[in-house]
């Protein structure tokens, strides 16, 4: 329970920054606590409903939300989430784990490149 609380706290901080706490929570649940990939992803989805709502309220109060682009991203995000949720039944947990690993690696590479460009 203590580990779950620590992982929840850390992923909440990362989520509140707008980075996406699933980057912390899914590896913690699968690699450290031994949860199945599909279960970890389901837990993460449910976990982020209240944390996202709270973070959104704070971001709106801080005036860092551009409401002009929200409709486009929300609408296409709902479509993408529906497709992803439908497709998950066709992937094993091992395949999902590999896909998530490639995703994390890709994000890491792009963030590193972006950071290097900003420094120069």
Protein backbone atom coordinates (compact mmCIF):
# COMPACT_ATOMS: atom_id res chain seq x y z
CA UNK A 1 0.00 0.00 0.00
CA UNK A 2 2.84 2.39 0.78
CA UNK A 3 4.44 1.78 -2.63
CA UNK A 4 1.09 2.38 -4.37
CA UNK A 5 0.73 5.64 -2.47
CA UNK A 6 4.25 6.76 -3.39
CA UNK A 7 3.73 5.90 -7.06
CA UNK A 8 0.34 7.64 -7.01
CA UNK A 9 1.88 10.77 -5.48
CA UNK A 10 4.80 10.92 -7.94
CA UNK A 11 2.63 10.25 -10.99
CA UNK A 12 0.17 12.88 -9.71
CA UNK A 13 2.95 15.46 -9.61
CA UNK A 14 4.05 14.55 -13.14
CA UNK A 15 0.44 14.54 -14.33
CA UNK A 16 -0.24 17.91 -12.75
CA UNK A 17 2.64 19.36 -14.72
CA UNK A 18 0.91 18.19 -17.89
CA UNK A 19 3.54 15.60 -18.74
CA UNK A 20 1.39 12.51 -18.24
CA UNK A 21 1.70 10.48 -15.09
CA UNK A 22 1.17 7.22 -16.96
CA UNK A 23 4.84 7.41 -17.85
CA UNK A 24 5.51 6.83 -14.14
CA UNK A 25 2.49 4.80 -13.07
CA UNK A 26 2.40 2.08 -15.76
CA UNK A 27 6.05 1.02 -15.40
CA UNK A 28 5.72 1.13 -11.60
CA UNK A 29 2.62 -1.05 -11.65
CA UNK A 30 3.99 -3.56 -14.16
CA UNK A 31 7.71 -3.80 -13.47
CA UNK A 32 7.83 -3.18 -9.73
CA UNK A 33 4.46 -4.40 -8.48
CA UNK A 34 3.94 -7.11 -11.11
CA UNK A 35 0.54 -6.07 -12.46
CA UNK A 36 -0.53 -7.30 -15.89
CA UNK A 37 -0.09 -4.60 -18.58
CA UNK A 38 -3.82 -4.43 -19.38
CA UNK A 39 -4.74 -4.12 -15.70
CA UNK A 40 -2.10 -1.39 -15.20
CA UNK A 41 -3.44 0.56 -18.16
CA UNK A 42 -7.00 0.27 -16.87
CA UNK A 43 -5.96 1.43 -13.40
CA UNK A 44 -4.10 4.35 -14.94
CA UNK A 45 -7.10 5.42 -17.01
CA UNK A 46 -9.39 5.45 -13.99
CA UNK A 47 -6.73 7.10 -11.82
CA UNK A 48 -6.37 10.05 -14.18
CA UNK A 49 -10.01 11.12 -14.23
CA UNK A 50 -9.95 12.88 -10.84
CA UNK A 51 -6.30 13.95 -11.10
CA UNK A 52 -6.85 15.46 -14.55
CA UNK A 53 -9.95 17.34 -13.39
CA UNK A 54 -8.09 18.87 -10.46
CA UNK A 55 -5.02 19.73 -12.58
CA UNK A 56 -7.26 21.28 -15.24
CA UNK A 57 -8.93 23.53 -12.66
CA UNK A 58 -5.52 24.74 -11.47
CA UNK A 59 -4.29 25.29 -15.04
CA UNK A 60 -7.43 27.26 -15.91
CA UNK A 61 -6.94 29.44 -12.82
CA UNK A 62 -3.32 29.99 -13.89
CA UNK A 63 -4.58 30.99 -17.37
CA UNK A 64 -2.44 28.46 -19.23
CA UNK A 65 -5.28 26.76 -21.11
CA UNK A 66 -5.96 27.79 -24.71
CA UNK A 67 -9.68 27.18 -25.12
CA UNK A 68 -9.53 27.75 -28.90
CA UNK A 69 -7.73 24.46 -29.53
CA UNK A 70 -9.53 22.36 -26.91
CA UNK A 71 -12.45 21.38 -29.15
CA UNK A 72 -10.14 20.01 -31.83
CA UNK A 73 -7.99 18.02 -29.46
CA UNK A 74 -10.87 16.74 -27.32
CA UNK A 75 -12.91 15.62 -30.31
CA UNK A 76 -10.04 13.83 -32.03
CA UNK A 77 -8.83 12.49 -28.67
CA UNK A 78 -12.21 10.88 -28.04
CA UNK A 79 -12.10 9.26 -31.47
CA UNK A 80 -8.55 8.02 -30.88
CA UNK A 81 -9.40 6.71 -27.41
CA UNK A 82 -12.39 4.84 -28.82
CA UNK A 83 -10.26 3.23 -31.52
CA UNK A 84 -7.55 2.35 -29.00
CA UNK A 85 -10.03 0.88 -26.51
CA UNK A 86 -11.60 -1.21 -29.28
CA UNK A 87 -8.21 -2.43 -30.54
CA UNK A 88 -6.81 -3.42 -27.13
CA UNK A 89 -8.69 -6.71 -27.18
CA UNK A 90 -6.57 -7.81 -30.13
CA UNK A 91 -3.23 -7.27 -28.36
CA UNK A 92 -1.71 -9.42 -25.66
CA UNK A 93 -0.24 -7.80 -22.56
CA UNK A 94 3.23 -8.59 -23.90
CA UNK A 95 2.50 -6.74 -27.15
CA UNK A 96 1.05 -3.77 -25.26
CA UNK A 97 4.12 -3.68 -23.06
CA UNK A 98 6.38 -3.58 -26.12
CA UNK A 99 4.25 -0.88 -27.78
CA UNK A 100 4.37 1.19 -24.58
CA UNK A 101 8.15 0.72 -24.37
CA UNK A 102 8.61 1.95 -27.95
CA UNK A 103 6.33 4.89 -27.18
CA UNK A 104 8.37 5.85 -24.10
CA UNK A 105 11.62 5.52 -26.03
CA UNK A 106 10.26 7.68 -28.86
CA UNK A 107 9.02 10.36 -26.45
CA UNK A 108 12.38 10.32 -24.69
CA UNK A 109 14.27 10.77 -27.96
CA UNK A 110 12.05 13.64 -29.10
CA UNK A 111 12.25 15.35 -25.70
CA UNK A 112 16.03 15.04 -25.73
CA UNK A 113 16.26 16.50 -29.25
CA UNK A 114 13.86 19.30 -28.32
CA UNK A 115 15.86 20.10 -25.19
CA UNK A 116 19.11 20.19 -27.12
CA UNK A 117 17.63 22.55 -29.73
CA UNK A 118 16.38 24.91 -27.00
CA UNK A 119 19.83 25.05 -25.41
CA UNK A 120 21.47 26.12 -28.68
